[in-house]
Amino acid sequence: MGLMDKWTNGEREAPEPLEGNVVATVVTGTAIWLVLFLAQLPFYGWYADHGHTWWLWTCAAGAGLGCIGIWYVRARDAAIRAAAARD
């Protein structure tokens, strides 16, 4: 029996999903990306001279996608609360 067999042949049950404040987690992650973007912005010339502008734009993309994530998890949280209120 291989190492992966004990994980894939049904001998173990999947753990319960972790519950937590998902909105706060996504907001925190988005804020970190935004702070990293803003901290690197004054050094744009150095990044451009050394071919590392992708560092800056990666942080901007993380902040932008995080904003979409915030919208999504807030809508999800509201839907979960509405479903619980109906039941």
PDB file of N, CA and C in Angstrom:
ATOM      1  N   MET A   1       0.859  -1.165   0.000  1.00  0.00           N
ATOM      2  CA  MET A   1       0.000   0.000   0.000  1.00  0.00           C
ATOM      3  C   MET A   1       0.911   1.236   0.000  1.00  0.00           C
ATOM      4  N   GLY A   2       0.631   2.162  -0.914  1.00  0.00           N
ATOM      5  CA  GLY A   2       1.425   3.380  -1.033  1.00  0.00           C
ATOM      6  C   GLY A   2       1.026   4.407   0.013  1.00  0.00           C
ATOM      7  N   LEU A   3       1.831   5.416   0.113  1.00  0.00           N
ATOM      8  CA  LEU A   3       1.598   6.473   1.096  1.00  0.00           C
ATOM      9  C   LEU A   3       0.263   7.173   0.874  1.00  0.00           C
ATOM     10  N   MET A   4      -0.087   7.451  -0.369  1.00  0.00           N
ATOM     11  CA  MET A   4      -1.333   8.168  -0.653  1.00  0.00           C
ATOM     12  C   MET A   4      -2.569   7.293  -0.531  1.00  0.00           C
ATOM     13  N   ASP A   5      -2.390   5.976  -0.575  1.00  0.00           N
ATOM     14  CA  ASP A   5      -3.550   5.092  -0.515  1.00  0.00           C
ATOM     15  C   ASP A   5      -4.358   5.278   0.764  1.00  0.00           C
ATOM     16  N   LYS A   6      -3.677   5.488   1.882  1.00  0.00           N
ATOM     17  CA  LYS A   6      -4.413   5.638   3.142  1.00  0.00           C
ATOM     18  C   LYS A   6      -5.246   6.918   3.169  1.00  0.00           C
ATOM     19  N   TRP A   7      -4.940   7.893   2.302  1.00  0.00           N
ATOM     20  CA  TRP A   7      -5.700   9.130   2.253  1.00  0.00           C
ATOM     21  C   TRP A   7      -6.787   9.097   1.192  1.00  0.00           C
ATOM     22  N   THR A   8      -6.641   8.249   0.195  1.00  0.00           N
ATOM     23  CA  THR A   8      -7.567   8.296  -0.930  1.00  0.00           C
ATOM     24  C   THR A   8      -8.520   7.120  -1.012  1.00  0.00           C
ATOM     25  N   ASN A   9      -8.354   6.095  -0.216  1.00  0.00           N
ATOM     26  CA  ASN A   9      -9.225   4.927  -0.370  1.00  0.00           C
ATOM     27  C   ASN A   9     -10.390   4.910   0.608  1.00  0.00           C
ATOM     28  N   GLY A  10     -10.667   6.009   1.271  1.00  0.00           N
ATOM     29  CA  GLY A  10     -11.848   6.104   2.117  1.00  0.00           C
ATOM     30  C   GLY A  10     -11.654   5.676   3.552  1.00  0.00           C
ATOM     31  N   GLU A  11     -10.437   5.412   3.983  1.00  0.00           N
ATOM     32  CA  GLU A  11     -10.208   5.008   5.362  1.00  0.00           C
ATOM     33  C   GLU A  11     -10.384   6.164   6.339  1.00  0.00           C
ATOM     34  N   ARG A  12     -10.222   7.375   5.858  1.00  0.00           N
ATOM     35  CA  ARG A  12     -10.319   8.538   6.744  1.00  0.00           C
ATOM     36  C   ARG A  12     -11.458   9.446   6.287  1.00  0.00           C
ATOM     37  N   GLU A  13     -12.117  10.011   7.280  1.00  0.00           N
ATOM     38  CA  GLU A  13     -13.182  10.959   6.966  1.00  0.00           C
ATOM     39  C   GLU A  13     -12.589  12.355   6.832  1.00  0.00           C
ATOM     40  N   ALA A  14     -13.217  13.149   6.014  1.00  0.00           N
ATOM     41  CA  ALA A  14     -12.781  14.531   5.854  1.00  0.00           C
ATOM     42  C   ALA A  14     -13.124  15.301   7.123  1.00  0.00           C
ATOM     43  N   PRO A  15     -12.252  16.200   7.544  1.00  0.00           N
ATOM     44  CA  PRO A  15     -12.566  16.993   8.740  1.00  0.00           C
ATOM     45  C   PRO A  15     -13.674  17.998   8.449  1.00  0.00           C
ATOM     46  N   GLU A  16     -14.329  18.421   9.510  1.00  0.00           N
ATOM     47  CA  GLU A  16     -15.369  19.438   9.378  1.00  0.00           C
ATOM     48  C   GLU A  16     -14.723  20.750   8.928  1.00  0.00           C
ATOM     49  N   PRO A  17     -15.424  21.543   8.111  1.00  0.00           N
ATOM     50  CA  PRO A  17     -14.853  22.828   7.701  1.00  0.00           C
ATOM     51  C   PRO A  17     -14.717  23.773   8.895  1.00  0.00           C
ATOM     52  N   LEU A  18     -13.685  24.584   8.864  1.00  0.00           N
ATOM     53  CA  LEU A  18     -13.484  25.562   9.928  1.00  0.00           C
ATOM     54  C   LEU A  18     -14.450  26.723   9.734  1.00  0.00           C
ATOM     55  N   GLU A  19     -15.033  27.145  10.814  1.00  0.00           N
ATOM     56  CA  GLU A  19     -15.916  28.299  10.765  1.00  0.00           C
ATOM     57  C   GLU A  19     -15.176  29.478  11.387  1.00  0.00           C
ATOM     58  N   GLY A  20     -15.370  30.620  10.832  1.00  0.00           N
ATOM     59  CA  GLY A  20     -14.731  31.808  11.370  1.00  0.00           C
ATOM     60  C   GLY A  20     -15.329  33.031  10.720  1.00  0.00           C
ATOM     61  N   ASN A  21     -14.794  34.172  11.043  1.00  0.00           N
ATOM     62  CA  ASN A  21     -15.274  35.409  10.472  1.00  0.00           C
ATOM     63  C   ASN A  21     -14.614  35.599   9.108  1.00  0.00           C
ATOM     64  N   VAL A  22     -15.252  35.089   8.080  1.00  0.00           N
ATOM     65  CA  VAL A  22     -14.694  35.105   6.739  1.00  0.00           C
ATOM     66  C   VAL A  22     -14.575  36.533   6.212  1.00  0.00           C
ATOM     67  N   VAL A  23     -15.542  37.370   6.513  1.00  0.00           N
ATOM     68  CA  VAL A  23     -15.510  38.758   6.038  1.00  0.00           C
ATOM     69  C   VAL A  23     -14.278  39.463   6.600  1.00  0.00           C
ATOM     70  N   ALA A  24     -14.021  39.316   7.883  1.00  0.00           N
ATOM     71  CA  ALA A  24     -12.857  39.960   8.504  1.00  0.00           C
ATOM     72  C   ALA A  24     -11.556  39.421   7.912  1.00  0.00           C
ATOM     73  N   THR A  25     -11.518  38.146   7.613  1.00  0.00           N
ATOM     74  CA  THR A  25     -10.318  37.547   7.025  1.00  0.00           C
ATOM     75  C   THR A  25     -10.044  38.137   5.655  1.00  0.00           C
ATOM     76  N   VAL A  26     -11.070  38.241   4.825  1.00  0.00           N
ATOM     77  CA  VAL A  26     -10.888  38.778   3.474  1.00  0.00           C
ATOM     78  C   VAL A  26     -10.563  40.267   3.527  1.00  0.00           C
ATOM     79  N   VAL A  27     -11.202  41.000   4.424  1.00  0.00           N
ATOM     80  CA  VAL A  27     -10.907  42.430   4.567  1.00  0.00           C
ATOM     81  C   VAL A  27      -9.452  42.619   5.006  1.00  0.00           C
ATOM     82  N   THR A  28      -8.991  41.822   5.940  1.00  0.00           N
ATOM     83  CA  THR A  28      -7.605  41.913   6.405  1.00  0.00           C
ATOM     84  C   THR A  28      -6.627  41.609   5.278  1.00  0.00           C
ATOM     85  N   GLY A  29      -6.876  40.554   4.530  1.00  0.00           N
ATOM     86  CA  GLY A  29      -6.007  40.219   3.407  1.00  0.00           C
ATOM     87  C   GLY A  29      -5.982  41.310   2.354  1.00  0.00           C
ATOM     88  N   THR A  30      -7.131  41.865   2.062  1.00  0.00           N
ATOM     89  CA  THR A  30      -7.221  42.946   1.078  1.00  0.00           C
ATOM     90  C   THR A  30      -6.459  44.179   1.565  1.00  0.00           C
ATOM     91  N   ALA A  31      -6.598  44.488   2.834  1.00  0.00           N
ATOM     92  CA  ALA A  31      -5.888  45.639   3.408  1.00  0.00           C
ATOM     93  C   ALA A  31      -4.376  45.436   3.325  1.00  0.00           C
ATOM     94  N   ILE A  32      -3.920  44.228   3.568  1.00  0.00           N
ATOM     95  CA  ILE A  32      -2.481  43.939   3.473  1.00  0.00           C
ATOM     96  C   ILE A  32      -1.991  44.174   2.050  1.00  0.00           C
ATOM     97  N   TRP A  33      -2.711  43.661   1.052  1.00  0.00           N
ATOM     98  CA  TRP A  33      -2.323  43.878  -0.346  1.00  0.00           C
ATOM     99  C   TRP A  33      -2.299  45.370  -0.675  1.00  0.00           C
ATOM    100  N   LEU A  34      -3.303  46.109  -0.195  1.00  0.00           N
ATOM    101  CA  LEU A  34      -3.367  47.545  -0.471  1.00  0.00           C
ATOM    102  C   LEU A  34      -2.198  48.288   0.171  1.00  0.00           C
ATOM    103  N   VAL A  35      -1.881  47.960   1.416  1.00  0.00           N
ATOM    104  CA  VAL A  35      -0.751  48.594   2.100  1.00  0.00           C
ATOM    105  C   VAL A  35       0.552  48.286   1.372  1.00  0.00           C
ATOM    106  N   LEU A  36       0.724  47.042   0.936  1.00  0.00           N
ATOM    107  CA  LEU A  36       1.928  46.687   0.190  1.00  0.00           C
ATOM    108  C   LEU A  36       2.019  47.470  -1.118  1.00  0.00           C
ATOM    109  N   PHE A  37       0.902  47.627  -1.801  1.00  0.00           N
ATOM    110  CA  PHE A  37       0.892  48.412  -3.037  1.00  0.00           C
ATOM    111  C   PHE A  37       1.283  49.856  -2.761  1.00  0.00           C
ATOM    112  N   LEU A  38       0.658  50.462  -1.761  1.00  0.00           N
ATOM    113  CA  LEU A  38       0.919  51.862  -1.454  1.00  0.00           C
ATOM    114  C   LEU A  38       2.351  52.074  -0.954  1.00  0.00           C
ATOM    115  N   ALA A  39       2.896  51.098  -0.229  1.00  0.00           N
ATOM    116  CA  ALA A  39       4.266  51.209   0.272  1.00  0.00           C
ATOM    117  C   ALA A  39       5.283  51.147  -0.867  1.00  0.00           C
ATOM    118  N   GLN A  40       4.965  50.422  -1.924  1.00  0.00           N
ATOM    119  CA  GLN A  40       5.892  50.275  -3.046  1.00  0.00           C
ATOM    120  C   GLN A  40       5.733  51.381  -4.087  1.00  0.00           C
ATOM    121  N   LEU A  41       4.621  52.050  -4.087  1.00  0.00           N
ATOM    122  CA  LEU A  41       4.334  53.064  -5.107  1.00  0.00           C
ATOM    123  C   LEU A  41       5.393  54.168  -5.209  1.00  0.00           C
ATOM    124  N   PRO A  42       5.925  54.693  -4.107  1.00  0.00           N
ATOM    125  CA  PRO A  42       6.952  55.737  -4.236  1.00  0.00           C
ATOM    126  C   PRO A  42       8.238  55.247  -4.911  1.00  0.00           C
ATOM    127  N   PHE A  43       8.437  53.942  -4.958  1.00  0.00           N
ATOM    128  CA  PHE A  43       9.655  53.364  -5.532  1.00  0.00           C
ATOM    129  C   PHE A  43       9.426  52.829  -6.936  1.00  0.00           C
ATOM    130  N   TYR A  44       8.375  53.300  -7.588  1.00  0.00           N
ATOM    131  CA  TYR A  44       8.029  52.804  -8.928  1.00  0.00           C
ATOM    132  C   TYR A  44       9.208  52.925  -9.891  1.00  0.00           C
ATOM    133  N   GLY A  45       9.928  54.026  -9.836  1.00  0.00           N
ATOM    134  CA  GLY A  45      11.074  54.214 -10.729  1.00  0.00           C
ATOM    135  C   GLY A  45      12.127  53.146 -10.553  1.00  0.00           C
ATOM    136  N   TRP A  46      12.419  52.794  -9.321  1.00  0.00           N
ATOM    137  CA  TRP A  46      13.404  51.740  -9.068  1.00  0.00           C
ATOM    138  C   TRP A  46      12.917  50.406  -9.610  1.00  0.00           C
ATOM    139  N   TYR A  47      11.646  50.100  -9.343  1.00  0.00           N
ATOM    140  CA  TYR A  47      11.078  48.844  -9.856  1.00  0.00           C
ATOM    141  C   TYR A  47      11.130  48.815 -11.377  1.00  0.00           C
ATOM    142  N   ALA A  48      10.799  49.927 -12.019  1.00  0.00           N
ATOM    143  CA  ALA A  48      10.822  50.000 -13.483  1.00  0.00           C
ATOM    144  C   ALA A  48      12.247  49.826 -14.009  1.00  0.00           C
ATOM    145  N   ASP A  49      13.208  50.456 -13.360  1.00  0.00           N
ATOM    146  CA  ASP A  49      14.603  50.350 -13.802  1.00  0.00           C
ATOM    147  C   ASP A  49      15.146  48.930 -13.689  1.00  0.00           C
ATOM    148  N   HIS A  50      14.652  48.176 -12.740  1.00  0.00           N
ATOM    149  CA  HIS A  50      15.162  46.824 -12.500  1.00  0.00           C
ATOM    150  C   HIS A  50      14.232  45.730 -13.019  1.00  0.00           C
ATOM    151  N   GLY A  51      13.191  46.106 -13.723  1.00  0.00           N
ATOM    152  CA  GLY A  51      12.274  45.117 -14.301  1.00  0.00           C
ATOM    153  C   GLY A  51      11.404  44.397 -13.283  1.00  0.00           C
ATOM    154  N   HIS A  52      11.096  45.076 -12.201  1.00  0.00           N
ATOM    155  CA  HIS A  52      10.300  44.439 -11.143  1.00  0.00           C
ATOM    156  C   HIS A  52       8.951  45.112 -10.925  1.00  0.00           C
ATOM    157  N   THR A  53       8.426  45.793 -11.933  1.00  0.00           N
ATOM    158  CA  THR A  53       7.127  46.451 -11.737  1.00  0.00           C
ATOM    159  C   THR A  53       6.020  45.444 -11.476  1.00  0.00           C
ATOM    160  N   TRP A  54       6.240  44.199 -11.831  1.00  0.00           N
ATOM    161  CA  TRP A  54       5.217  43.185 -11.581  1.00  0.00           C
ATOM    162  C   TRP A  54       4.953  43.030 -10.085  1.00  0.00           C
ATOM    163  N   TRP A  55       5.947  43.330  -9.227  1.00  0.00           N
ATOM    164  CA  TRP A  55       5.715  43.278  -7.782  1.00  0.00           C
ATOM    165  C   TRP A  55       4.608  44.257  -7.401  1.00  0.00           C
ATOM    166  N   LEU A  56       4.707  45.462  -7.933  1.00  0.00           N
ATOM    167  CA  LEU A  56       3.731  46.505  -7.648  1.00  0.00           C
ATOM    168  C   LEU A  56       2.346  46.104  -8.155  1.00  0.00           C
ATOM    169  N   TRP A  57       2.303  45.629  -9.399  1.00  0.00           N
ATOM    170  CA  TRP A  57       1.003  45.288 -10.004  1.00  0.00           C
ATOM    171  C   TRP A  57       0.403  44.027  -9.410  1.00  0.00           C
ATOM    172  N   THR A  58       1.242  43.150  -8.864  1.00  0.00           N
ATOM    173  CA  THR A  58       0.707  41.982  -8.161  1.00  0.00           C
ATOM    174  C   THR A  58      -0.048  42.425  -6.913  1.00  0.00           C
ATOM    175  N   CYS A  59       0.526  43.388  -6.194  1.00  0.00           N
ATOM    176  CA  CYS A  59      -0.152  43.918  -5.002  1.00  0.00           C
ATOM    177  C   CYS A  59      -1.442  44.643  -5.371  1.00  0.00           C
ATOM    178  N   ALA A  60      -1.409  45.391  -6.477  1.00  0.00           N
ATOM    179  CA  ALA A  60      -2.615  46.088  -6.931  1.00  0.00           C
ATOM    180  C   ALA A  60      -3.701  45.079  -7.316  1.00  0.00           C
ATOM    181  N   ALA A  61      -3.297  44.011  -8.000  1.00  0.00           N
ATOM    182  CA  ALA A  61      -4.268  42.978  -8.375  1.00  0.00           C
ATOM    183  C   ALA A  61      -4.831  42.288  -7.139  1.00  0.00           C
ATOM    184  N   GLY A  62      -3.983  42.026  -6.142  1.00  0.00           N
ATOM    185  CA  GLY A  62      -4.457  41.419  -4.899  1.00  0.00           C
ATOM    186  C   GLY A  62      -5.478  42.289  -4.196  1.00  0.00           C
ATOM    187  N   ALA A  63      -5.214  43.604  -4.172  1.00  0.00           N
ATOM    188  CA  ALA A  63      -6.166  44.530  -3.545  1.00  0.00           C
ATOM    189  C   ALA A  63      -7.464  44.596  -4.343  1.00  0.00           C
ATOM    190  N   GLY A  64      -7.359  44.644  -5.668  1.00  0.00           N
ATOM    191  CA  GLY A  64      -8.554  44.704  -6.511  1.00  0.00           C
ATOM    192  C   GLY A  64      -9.402  43.447  -6.405  1.00  0.00           C
ATOM    193  N   LEU A  65      -8.746  42.290  -6.485  1.00  0.00           N
ATOM    194  CA  LEU A  65      -9.491  41.033  -6.352  1.00  0.00           C
ATOM    195  C   LEU A  65     -10.035  40.862  -4.936  1.00  0.00           C
ATOM    196  N   GLY A  66      -9.309  41.408  -3.966  1.00  0.00           N
ATOM    197  CA  GLY A  66      -9.809  41.373  -2.594  1.00  0.00           C
ATOM    198  C   GLY A  66     -11.098  42.160  -2.439  1.00  0.00           C
ATOM    199  N   CYS A  67     -11.205  43.272  -3.157  1.00  0.00           N
ATOM    200  CA  CYS A  67     -12.462  44.052  -3.118  1.00  0.00           C
ATOM    201  C   CYS A  67     -13.625  43.226  -3.662  1.00  0.00           C
ATOM    202  N   ILE A  68     -13.372  42.487  -4.719  1.00  0.00           N
ATOM    203  CA  ILE A  68     -14.412  41.588  -5.242  1.00  0.00           C
ATOM    204  C   ILE A  68     -14.720  40.514  -4.206  1.00  0.00           C
ATOM    205  N   GLY A  69     -13.685  40.010  -3.545  1.00  0.00           N
ATOM    206  CA  GLY A  69     -13.872  39.006  -2.499  1.00  0.00           C
ATOM    207  C   GLY A  69     -14.685  39.520  -1.336  1.00  0.00           C
ATOM    208  N   ILE A  70     -14.446  40.772  -0.959  1.00  0.00           N
ATOM    209  CA  ILE A  70     -15.229  41.365   0.138  1.00  0.00           C
ATOM    210  C   ILE A  70     -16.701  41.416  -0.245  1.00  0.00           C
ATOM    211  N   TRP A  71     -16.975  41.866  -1.449  1.00  0.00           N
ATOM    212  CA  TRP A  71     -18.365  41.909  -1.920  1.00  0.00           C
ATOM    213  C   TRP A  71     -18.977  40.505  -1.882  1.00  0.00           C
ATOM    214  N   TYR A  72     -18.222  39.504  -2.360  1.00  0.00           N
ATOM    215  CA  TYR A  72     -18.729  38.136  -2.438  1.00  0.00           C
ATOM    216  C   TYR A  72     -19.014  37.566  -1.047  1.00  0.00           C
ATOM    217  N   VAL A  73     -18.059  37.683  -0.121  1.00  0.00           N
ATOM    218  CA  VAL A  73     -18.272  37.064   1.186  1.00  0.00           C
ATOM    219  C   VAL A  73     -19.342  37.788   1.998  1.00  0.00           C
ATOM    220  N   ARG A  74     -19.494  39.091   1.787  1.00  0.00           N
ATOM    221  CA  ARG A  74     -20.587  39.800   2.464  1.00  0.00           C
ATOM    222  C   ARG A  74     -21.930  39.332   1.936  1.00  0.00           C
ATOM    223  N   ALA A  75     -22.034  39.147   0.611  1.00  0.00           N
ATOM    224  CA  ALA A  75     -23.281  38.650   0.023  1.00  0.00           C
ATOM    225  C   ALA A  75     -23.556  37.220   0.491  1.00  0.00           C
ATOM    226  N   ARG A  76     -22.514  36.402   0.554  1.00  0.00           N
ATOM    227  CA  ARG A  76     -22.658  35.016   1.027  1.00  0.00           C
ATOM    228  C   ARG A  76     -23.116  34.984   2.473  1.00  0.00           C
ATOM    229  N   ASP A  77     -22.505  35.819   3.306  1.00  0.00           N
ATOM    230  CA  ASP A  77     -22.868  35.884   4.720  1.00  0.00           C
ATOM    231  C   ASP A  77     -24.323  36.321   4.889  1.00  0.00           C
ATOM    232  N   ALA A  78     -24.741  37.307   4.095  1.00  0.00           N
ATOM    233  CA  ALA A  78     -26.127  37.770   4.160  1.00  0.00           C
ATOM    234  C   ALA A  78     -27.092  36.669   3.726  1.00  0.00           C
ATOM    235  N   ALA A  79     -26.718  35.914   2.685  1.00  0.00           N
ATOM    236  CA  ALA A  79     -27.575  34.814   2.226  1.00  0.00           C
ATOM    237  C   ALA A  79     -27.668  33.712   3.270  1.00  0.00           C
ATOM    238  N   ILE A  80     -26.579  33.420   3.954  1.00  0.00           N
ATOM    239  CA  ILE A  80     -26.602  32.399   4.998  1.00  0.00           C
ATOM    240  C   ILE A  80     -27.498  32.855   6.143  1.00  0.00           C
ATOM    241  N   ARG A  81     -27.375  34.122   6.543  1.00  0.00           N
ATOM    242  CA  ARG A  81     -28.223  34.645   7.615  1.00  0.00           C
ATOM    243  C   ARG A  81     -29.701  34.634   7.214  1.00  0.00           C
ATOM    244  N   ALA A  82     -29.990  34.982   5.951  1.00  0.00           N
ATOM    245  CA  ALA A  82     -31.377  34.991   5.484  1.00  0.00           C
ATOM    246  C   ALA A  82     -31.950  33.581   5.467  1.00  0.00           C
ATOM    247  N   ALA A  83     -31.144  32.609   5.058  1.00  0.00           N
ATOM    248  CA  ALA A  83     -31.610  31.212   5.041  1.00  0.00           C
ATOM    249  C   ALA A  83     -31.840  30.705   6.453  1.00  0.00           C
ATOM    250  N   ALA A  84     -30.976  31.106   7.376  1.00  0.00           N
ATOM    251  CA  ALA A  84     -31.159  30.680   8.767  1.00  0.00           C
ATOM    252  C   ALA A  84     -32.406  31.317   9.372  1.00  0.00           C
ATOM    253  N   ALA A  85     -32.715  32.543   8.991  1.00  0.00           N
ATOM    254  CA  ALA A  85     -33.910  33.219   9.496  1.00  0.00           C
ATOM    255  C   ALA A  85     -35.186  32.561   8.966  1.00  0.00           C
ATOM    256  N   ARG A  86     -35.124  32.060   7.736  1.00  0.00           N
ATOM    257  CA  ARG A  86     -36.291  31.370   7.152  1.00  0.00           C
ATOM    258  C   ARG A  86     -36.558  30.040   7.835  1.00  0.00           C
ATOM    259  N   ASP A  87     -35.520  29.388   8.301  1.00  0.00           N
ATOM    260  CA  ASP A  87     -35.675  28.043   8.910  1.00  0.00           C
ATOM    261  C   ASP A  87     -36.077  28.103  10.339  1.00  0.00           C
TER     262      ASP A  87
END
